[in-house]
Amino acid sequence: MVTQVRINGKHRNYGNVRITALGATFVGVTKIEYKRTDAIDPVKVCGTTKSIGYTQGDETYEGSIGLLSETVDAIQAKLPKGKTLQDIPPFPITVSYVDDLGLQVCHVLYGVKIKENGRSAEAGNNSALVVESPLYIHDIDFNA
């Protein structure tokens, strides 16, 4: 495994993330999470309590996104009357990380659908309003 020496030990953080979707770079993303999970199961046989191997299949993808309320409202305003975030056809999301050395890592989430649209506000919380929603993800390219 080859790793580059970091400038003064500095690693990528949230300030290095760029999210592109629906033809725009989103500046109102507060959080993005995504993962691929494989079904990996042991192969068992009679005569031993230990597995003799494994099977692997059934990939699943899941994720979530947090958007500032103003970003969600701007997306919603571009939709036809009566439509909501869940009505947006599947779209890709590109997640890019660029560090001080100029090294770019790019992941592409394909076939993304927003699964929920709701709001929440809490008395005494002075933070910006964030809309968090789980995502349906068809596929993820971790080497884009």
N, C-alpha and C. Protein backbone atom coordinates (compact mmCIF):
# COMPACT_ATOMS: atom_id res chain seq x y z
N MET A 1 0.85 -1.17 0.00
CA MET A 1 0.00 0.00 0.00
C MET A 1 0.89 1.23 0.00
N VAL A 2 0.69 2.12 -0.94
CA VAL A 2 1.49 3.33 -1.05
C VAL A 2 0.68 4.49 -0.49
N THR A 3 1.27 5.23 0.42
CA THR A 3 0.62 6.43 0.95
C THR A 3 1.56 7.60 0.77
N GLN A 4 0.98 8.75 0.51
CA GLN A 4 1.80 9.95 0.37
C GLN A 4 2.02 10.57 1.73
N VAL A 5 3.16 11.18 1.90
CA VAL A 5 3.45 11.91 3.12
C VAL A 5 2.58 13.16 3.13
N ARG A 6 1.92 13.41 4.22
CA ARG A 6 1.04 14.57 4.35
C ARG A 6 1.86 15.82 4.68
N ILE A 7 1.44 16.94 4.13
CA ILE A 7 2.08 18.21 4.45
C ILE A 7 1.78 18.52 5.92
N ASN A 8 2.80 18.60 6.73
CA ASN A 8 2.66 18.86 8.17
C ASN A 8 1.67 17.91 8.83
N GLY A 9 1.49 16.71 8.29
CA GLY A 9 0.58 15.73 8.88
C GLY A 9 -0.88 16.00 8.61
N LYS A 10 -1.20 16.97 7.74
CA LYS A 10 -2.59 17.34 7.48
C LYS A 10 -3.28 16.31 6.58
N HIS A 11 -4.44 15.87 7.01
CA HIS A 11 -5.25 14.91 6.24
C HIS A 11 -6.51 15.61 5.72
N ARG A 12 -7.20 14.93 4.81
CA ARG A 12 -8.46 15.48 4.27
C ARG A 12 -9.49 15.57 5.39
N ASN A 13 -10.35 16.58 5.28
CA ASN A 13 -11.47 16.70 6.21
C ASN A 13 -12.68 17.24 5.44
N TYR A 14 -13.72 17.60 6.16
CA TYR A 14 -14.96 18.04 5.52
C TYR A 14 -14.75 19.23 4.59
N GLY A 15 -13.75 20.03 4.83
CA GLY A 15 -13.50 21.20 3.99
C GLY A 15 -12.95 20.83 2.62
N ASN A 16 -12.54 19.58 2.44
CA ASN A 16 -12.00 19.13 1.17
C ASN A 16 -13.03 18.40 0.31
N VAL A 17 -14.27 18.31 0.76
CA VAL A 17 -15.30 17.54 0.07
C VAL A 17 -16.11 18.45 -0.86
N ARG A 18 -16.32 17.98 -2.09
CA ARG A 18 -17.18 18.67 -3.05
C ARG A 18 -18.25 17.68 -3.50
N ILE A 19 -19.51 18.11 -3.46
CA ILE A 19 -20.64 17.27 -3.85
C ILE A 19 -21.27 17.87 -5.10
N THR A 20 -21.37 17.07 -6.17
CA THR A 20 -21.98 17.52 -7.40
C THR A 20 -23.15 16.61 -7.73
N ALA A 21 -24.30 17.21 -8.01
CA ALA A 21 -25.50 16.45 -8.37
C ALA A 21 -26.48 17.38 -9.06
N LEU A 22 -27.33 16.81 -9.89
CA LEU A 22 -28.39 17.56 -10.56
C LEU A 22 -27.85 18.77 -11.31
N GLY A 23 -26.64 18.64 -11.85
CA GLY A 23 -26.05 19.70 -12.67
C GLY A 23 -25.46 20.86 -11.89
N ALA A 24 -25.24 20.70 -10.59
CA ALA A 24 -24.70 21.80 -9.80
C ALA A 24 -23.79 21.26 -8.70
N THR A 25 -22.89 22.13 -8.22
CA THR A 25 -22.10 21.80 -7.04
C THR A 25 -22.88 22.29 -5.84
N PHE A 26 -23.18 21.38 -4.94
CA PHE A 26 -23.98 21.73 -3.77
C PHE A 26 -23.08 22.35 -2.71
N VAL A 27 -23.43 23.52 -2.25
CA VAL A 27 -22.68 24.15 -1.17
C VAL A 27 -23.41 23.96 0.16
N GLY A 28 -24.62 23.44 0.12
CA GLY A 28 -25.41 23.29 1.33
C GLY A 28 -25.45 21.89 1.89
N VAL A 29 -24.41 21.08 1.61
CA VAL A 29 -24.36 19.72 2.15
C VAL A 29 -23.67 19.75 3.50
N THR A 30 -24.34 19.26 4.52
CA THR A 30 -23.75 19.23 5.86
C THR A 30 -23.17 17.86 6.19
N LYS A 31 -23.64 16.83 5.44
CA LYS A 31 -23.19 15.48 5.74
C LYS A 31 -23.53 14.58 4.57
N ILE A 32 -22.64 13.66 4.24
CA ILE A 32 -22.96 12.61 3.28
C ILE A 32 -22.32 11.32 3.76
N GLU A 33 -23.09 10.27 3.72
CA GLU A 33 -22.60 8.94 4.10
C GLU A 33 -23.05 7.96 3.03
N TYR A 34 -22.20 7.00 2.72
CA TYR A 34 -22.57 5.97 1.76
C TYR A 34 -21.69 4.76 1.97
N LYS A 35 -22.26 3.58 1.65
CA LYS A 35 -21.47 2.36 1.82
C LYS A 35 -22.04 1.24 0.97
N ARG A 36 -21.16 0.28 0.68
CA ARG A 36 -21.54 -0.97 0.02
C ARG A 36 -21.40 -2.07 1.04
N THR A 37 -22.39 -2.94 1.10
CA THR A 37 -22.34 -4.09 1.98
C THR A 37 -22.54 -5.34 1.14
N ASP A 38 -21.69 -6.33 1.36
CA ASP A 38 -21.82 -7.62 0.68
C ASP A 38 -22.33 -8.65 1.68
N ALA A 39 -23.20 -9.52 1.19
CA ALA A 39 -23.62 -10.65 2.01
C ALA A 39 -22.49 -11.68 1.95
N ILE A 40 -21.81 -11.87 3.07
CA ILE A 40 -20.74 -12.85 3.17
C ILE A 40 -21.14 -13.83 4.27
N ASP A 41 -21.37 -15.08 3.87
CA ASP A 41 -21.89 -16.06 4.79
C ASP A 41 -20.97 -17.28 4.86
N PRO A 42 -20.87 -17.89 6.06
CA PRO A 42 -20.03 -19.08 6.19
C PRO A 42 -20.68 -20.30 5.53
N VAL A 43 -19.86 -21.22 5.07
CA VAL A 43 -20.33 -22.51 4.57
C VAL A 43 -20.10 -23.52 5.69
N LYS A 44 -21.18 -24.14 6.13
CA LYS A 44 -21.11 -25.12 7.24
C LYS A 44 -21.37 -26.52 6.68
N VAL A 45 -20.73 -27.51 7.29
CA VAL A 45 -20.95 -28.90 6.94
C VAL A 45 -21.10 -29.73 8.22
N CYS A 46 -21.70 -30.88 8.05
CA CYS A 46 -21.85 -31.79 9.19
C CYS A 46 -20.47 -32.30 9.61
N GLY A 47 -20.31 -32.50 10.91
CA GLY A 47 -19.08 -33.09 11.40
C GLY A 47 -18.09 -32.07 11.95
N THR A 48 -18.37 -30.80 11.78
CA THR A 48 -17.49 -29.77 12.35
C THR A 48 -18.32 -28.56 12.72
N THR A 49 -17.88 -27.87 13.77
CA THR A 49 -18.59 -26.66 14.18
C THR A 49 -17.99 -25.42 13.53
N LYS A 50 -16.91 -25.62 12.80
CA LYS A 50 -16.26 -24.50 12.11
C LYS A 50 -16.73 -24.44 10.67
N SER A 51 -16.69 -23.24 10.12
CA SER A 51 -17.03 -23.11 8.70
C SER A 51 -15.85 -23.60 7.87
N ILE A 52 -16.15 -24.07 6.67
CA ILE A 52 -15.09 -24.56 5.78
C ILE A 52 -14.80 -23.57 4.66
N GLY A 53 -15.51 -22.47 4.66
CA GLY A 53 -15.33 -21.45 3.64
C GLY A 53 -16.45 -20.43 3.75
N TYR A 54 -16.65 -19.71 2.68
CA TYR A 54 -17.70 -18.70 2.69
C TYR A 54 -18.28 -18.54 1.28
N THR A 55 -19.45 -17.93 1.25
CA THR A 55 -20.06 -17.50 -0.01
C THR A 55 -20.18 -15.99 0.04
N GLN A 56 -20.17 -15.38 -1.13
CA GLN A 56 -20.27 -13.93 -1.19
C GLN A 56 -21.18 -13.53 -2.34
N GLY A 57 -22.09 -12.62 -2.07
CA GLY A 57 -23.00 -12.15 -3.11
C GLY A 57 -23.89 -11.06 -2.56
N ASP A 58 -24.96 -10.79 -3.26
CA ASP A 58 -25.96 -9.80 -2.85
C ASP A 58 -25.33 -8.52 -2.31
N GLU A 59 -24.90 -7.67 -3.22
CA GLU A 59 -24.38 -6.36 -2.84
C GLU A 59 -25.56 -5.44 -2.55
N THR A 60 -25.45 -4.67 -1.50
CA THR A 60 -26.44 -3.63 -1.21
C THR A 60 -25.71 -2.32 -0.96
N TYR A 61 -26.37 -1.25 -1.32
CA TYR A 61 -25.80 0.09 -1.18
C TYR A 61 -26.80 0.93 -0.39
N GLU A 62 -26.26 1.76 0.48
CA GLU A 62 -27.13 2.66 1.22
C GLU A 62 -26.35 3.90 1.60
N GLY A 63 -27.09 4.93 1.94
CA GLY A 63 -26.44 6.17 2.33
C GLY A 63 -27.44 7.16 2.86
N SER A 64 -26.93 8.33 3.20
CA SER A 64 -27.79 9.41 3.66
C SER A 64 -27.10 10.73 3.34
N ILE A 65 -27.92 11.77 3.31
CA ILE A 65 -27.39 13.10 3.03
C ILE A 65 -28.06 14.09 3.95
N GLY A 66 -27.30 15.08 4.39
CA GLY A 66 -27.84 16.20 5.16
C GLY A 66 -27.67 17.46 4.32
N LEU A 67 -28.76 18.17 4.11
CA LEU A 67 -28.74 19.40 3.32
C LEU A 67 -29.30 20.55 4.14
N LEU A 68 -28.71 21.72 4.00
CA LEU A 68 -29.30 22.89 4.63
C LEU A 68 -30.71 23.08 4.11
N SER A 69 -31.58 23.52 4.96
CA SER A 69 -32.99 23.72 4.59
C SER A 69 -33.12 24.61 3.36
N GLU A 70 -32.28 25.62 3.25
CA GLU A 70 -32.34 26.53 2.09
C GLU A 70 -32.00 25.79 0.79
N THR A 71 -31.07 24.83 0.86
CA THR A 71 -30.71 24.05 -0.32
C THR A 71 -31.88 23.17 -0.75
N VAL A 72 -32.53 22.53 0.21
CA VAL A 72 -33.69 21.70 -0.10
C VAL A 72 -34.81 22.56 -0.70
N ASP A 73 -35.04 23.72 -0.13
CA ASP A 73 -36.09 24.61 -0.65
C ASP A 73 -35.78 25.04 -2.08
N ALA A 74 -34.49 25.30 -2.39
CA ALA A 74 -34.11 25.70 -3.75
C ALA A 74 -34.33 24.55 -4.74
N ILE A 75 -34.01 23.32 -4.33
CA ILE A 75 -34.25 22.16 -5.19
C ILE A 75 -35.76 21.99 -5.40
N GLN A 76 -36.50 22.06 -4.31
CA GLN A 76 -37.95 21.89 -4.38
C GLN A 76 -38.59 22.94 -5.29
N ALA A 77 -38.08 24.17 -5.26
CA ALA A 77 -38.65 25.25 -6.07
C ALA A 77 -38.47 25.00 -7.57
N LYS A 78 -37.48 24.20 -7.95
CA LYS A 78 -37.24 23.91 -9.37
C LYS A 78 -38.11 22.77 -9.89
N LEU A 79 -38.81 22.08 -8.99
CA LEU A 79 -39.65 20.96 -9.39
C LEU A 79 -41.04 21.46 -9.82
N PRO A 80 -41.70 20.71 -10.70
CA PRO A 80 -43.07 21.09 -11.08
C PRO A 80 -44.00 21.08 -9.87
N LYS A 81 -45.03 21.90 -9.93
CA LYS A 81 -45.99 21.98 -8.83
C LYS A 81 -46.54 20.59 -8.52
N GLY A 82 -46.64 20.28 -7.25
CA GLY A 82 -47.16 18.99 -6.82
C GLY A 82 -46.11 17.89 -6.72
N LYS A 83 -44.89 18.16 -7.16
CA LYS A 83 -43.82 17.16 -7.08
C LYS A 83 -42.96 17.43 -5.85
N THR A 84 -42.29 16.39 -5.38
CA THR A 84 -41.43 16.53 -4.22
C THR A 84 -40.09 15.86 -4.49
N LEU A 85 -39.20 15.91 -3.53
CA LEU A 85 -37.85 15.37 -3.72
C LEU A 85 -37.85 13.91 -4.15
N GLN A 86 -38.80 13.13 -3.63
CA GLN A 86 -38.86 11.71 -3.99
C GLN A 86 -39.25 11.49 -5.45
N ASP A 87 -39.81 12.51 -6.11
CA ASP A 87 -40.22 12.39 -7.51
C ASP A 87 -39.08 12.66 -8.49
N ILE A 88 -37.94 13.13 -8.00
CA ILE A 88 -36.81 13.40 -8.88
C ILE A 88 -36.32 12.07 -9.44
N PRO A 89 -36.15 11.96 -10.77
CA PRO A 89 -35.64 10.71 -11.34
C PRO A 89 -34.25 10.39 -10.78
N PRO A 90 -33.85 9.11 -10.82
CA PRO A 90 -32.53 8.75 -10.30
C PRO A 90 -31.42 9.60 -10.93
N PHE A 91 -30.48 10.00 -10.11
CA PHE A 91 -29.40 10.88 -10.56
C PHE A 91 -28.09 10.45 -9.90
N PRO A 92 -26.94 10.80 -10.53
CA PRO A 92 -25.66 10.49 -9.88
C PRO A 92 -25.24 11.60 -8.92
N ILE A 93 -24.50 11.23 -7.91
CA ILE A 93 -23.85 12.18 -7.01
C ILE A 93 -22.35 11.90 -7.08
N THR A 94 -21.57 12.92 -7.36
CA THR A 94 -20.12 12.80 -7.36
C THR A 94 -19.58 13.41 -6.08
N VAL A 95 -18.77 12.64 -5.37
CA VAL A 95 -18.13 13.10 -4.14
C VAL A 95 -16.63 13.14 -4.41
N SER A 96 -16.03 14.33 -4.30
CA SER A 96 -14.60 14.50 -4.57
C SER A 96 -13.90 15.02 -3.33
N TYR A 97 -12.72 14.50 -3.09
CA TYR A 97 -11.86 14.96 -2.01
C TYR A 97 -10.56 15.42 -2.64
N VAL A 98 -10.12 16.61 -2.34
CA VAL A 98 -8.84 17.11 -2.84
C VAL A 98 -8.04 17.61 -1.65
N ASP A 99 -6.80 17.13 -1.53
CA ASP A 99 -5.99 17.58 -0.40
C ASP A 99 -4.99 18.64 -0.84
N ASP A 100 -4.18 19.09 0.09
CA ASP A 100 -3.22 20.16 -0.18
C ASP A 100 -2.15 19.76 -1.19
N LEU A 101 -1.95 18.46 -1.40
CA LEU A 101 -0.98 17.99 -2.38
C LEU A 101 -1.59 17.93 -3.78
N GLY A 102 -2.90 18.20 -3.88
CA GLY A 102 -3.58 18.14 -5.16
C GLY A 102 -4.08 16.76 -5.50
N LEU A 103 -3.94 15.80 -4.59
CA LEU A 103 -4.43 14.45 -4.81
C LEU A 103 -5.94 14.46 -4.75
N GLN A 104 -6.58 13.98 -5.82
CA GLN A 104 -8.03 13.93 -5.86
C GLN A 104 -8.52 12.49 -5.81
N VAL A 105 -9.48 12.26 -4.97
CA VAL A 105 -10.16 10.98 -4.89
C VAL A 105 -11.61 11.26 -5.24
N CYS A 106 -12.17 10.45 -6.12
CA CYS A 106 -13.52 10.71 -6.60
C CYS A 106 -14.36 9.43 -6.47
N HIS A 107 -15.53 9.55 -5.89
CA HIS A 107 -16.49 8.46 -5.80
C HIS A 107 -17.76 8.92 -6.51
N VAL A 108 -18.40 8.01 -7.24
CA VAL A 108 -19.66 8.34 -7.90
C VAL A 108 -20.74 7.39 -7.39
N LEU A 109 -21.81 7.98 -6.88
CA LEU A 109 -22.98 7.22 -6.46
C LEU A 109 -23.97 7.27 -7.62
N TYR A 110 -24.36 6.11 -8.13
CA TYR A 110 -25.25 6.05 -9.30
C TYR A 110 -26.67 5.69 -8.89
N GLY A 111 -27.62 6.20 -9.66
CA GLY A 111 -29.03 5.86 -9.45
C GLY A 111 -29.56 6.28 -8.10
N VAL A 112 -29.19 7.47 -7.66
CA VAL A 112 -29.58 7.96 -6.33
C VAL A 112 -31.01 8.49 -6.34
N LYS A 113 -31.75 8.13 -5.31
CA LYS A 113 -33.08 8.67 -5.06
C LYS A 113 -33.14 9.14 -3.62
N ILE A 114 -33.75 10.27 -3.40
CA ILE A 114 -33.97 10.78 -2.04
C ILE A 114 -35.22 10.10 -1.51
N LYS A 115 -35.11 9.49 -0.33
CA LYS A 115 -36.20 8.67 0.19
C LYS A 115 -37.17 9.39 1.11
N GLU A 116 -36.75 10.51 1.70
CA GLU A 116 -37.60 11.22 2.65
C GLU A 116 -37.49 12.71 2.43
N ASN A 117 -38.56 13.42 2.80
CA ASN A 117 -38.57 14.88 2.74
C ASN A 117 -39.32 15.37 3.98
N GLY A 118 -38.60 15.93 4.92
CA GLY A 118 -39.23 16.42 6.14
C GLY A 118 -38.37 17.50 6.77
N ARG A 119 -38.90 18.14 7.76
CA ARG A 119 -38.17 19.20 8.46
C ARG A 119 -38.28 18.98 9.95
N SER A 120 -37.32 19.54 10.67
CA SER A 120 -37.33 19.46 12.12
C SER A 120 -36.66 20.71 12.68
N ALA A 121 -37.25 21.27 13.70
CA ALA A 121 -36.65 22.41 14.41
C ALA A 121 -36.80 22.15 15.90
N GLU A 122 -35.83 22.63 16.65
CA GLU A 122 -35.83 22.36 18.09
C GLU A 122 -35.56 23.65 18.85
N ALA A 123 -36.39 23.93 19.84
CA ALA A 123 -36.22 25.12 20.66
C ALA A 123 -34.87 25.06 21.38
N GLY A 124 -34.17 26.18 21.40
CA GLY A 124 -32.90 26.25 22.10
C GLY A 124 -31.72 25.81 21.26
N ASN A 125 -31.98 25.30 20.07
CA ASN A 125 -30.89 24.89 19.18
C ASN A 125 -30.66 26.00 18.18
N ASN A 126 -29.51 26.60 18.23
CA ASN A 126 -29.21 27.76 17.39
C ASN A 126 -28.50 27.36 16.09
N SER A 127 -28.41 26.06 15.82
CA SER A 127 -27.75 25.59 14.59
C SER A 127 -28.65 25.83 13.39
N ALA A 128 -28.03 25.83 12.21
CA ALA A 128 -28.80 25.96 10.97
C ALA A 128 -29.72 24.75 10.84
N LEU A 129 -30.89 24.96 10.22
CA LEU A 129 -31.82 23.86 10.00
C LEU A 129 -31.28 22.95 8.91
N VAL A 130 -31.20 21.66 9.21
CA VAL A 130 -30.67 20.66 8.30
C VAL A 130 -31.74 19.63 8.02
N VAL A 131 -31.88 19.27 6.76
CA VAL A 131 -32.80 18.22 6.35
C VAL A 131 -31.95 16.98 6.06
N GLU A 132 -32.16 15.92 6.85
CA GLU A 132 -31.43 14.68 6.64
C GLU A 132 -32.36 13.66 6.03
N SER A 133 -31.87 12.95 5.01
CA SER A 133 -32.68 11.95 4.33
C SER A 133 -31.84 10.74 3.98
N PRO A 134 -32.41 9.55 4.16
CA PRO A 134 -31.73 8.36 3.64
C PRO A 134 -31.77 8.38 2.11
N LEU A 135 -30.80 7.74 1.50
CA LEU A 135 -30.72 7.67 0.04
C LEU A 135 -30.84 6.24 -0.44
N TYR A 136 -31.55 6.06 -1.55
CA TYR A 136 -31.46 4.81 -2.30
C TYR A 136 -30.29 5.00 -3.25
N ILE A 137 -29.38 4.03 -3.30
CA ILE A 137 -28.22 4.09 -4.19
C ILE A 137 -28.17 2.79 -4.97
N HIS A 138 -28.14 2.89 -6.29
CA HIS A 138 -28.10 1.70 -7.14
C HIS A 138 -26.71 1.08 -7.20
N ASP A 139 -25.66 1.93 -7.26
CA ASP A 139 -24.29 1.44 -7.38
C ASP A 139 -23.33 2.53 -6.92
N ILE A 140 -22.14 2.14 -6.51
CA ILE A 140 -21.10 3.09 -6.11
C ILE A 140 -19.80 2.71 -6.82
N ASP A 141 -19.18 3.71 -7.46
CA ASP A 141 -17.86 3.53 -8.05
C ASP A 141 -16.85 4.21 -7.14
N PHE A 142 -16.09 3.41 -6.40
CA PHE A 142 -15.10 3.96 -5.48
C PHE A 142 -13.78 4.29 -6.17
N ASN A 143 -13.69 4.04 -7.47
CA ASN A 143 -12.48 4.34 -8.24
C ASN A 143 -12.77 5.21 -9.45
N ALA A 144 -13.66 6.16 -9.31
CA ALA A 144 -14.07 6.99 -10.46
C ALA A 144 -12.95 7.94 -10.86
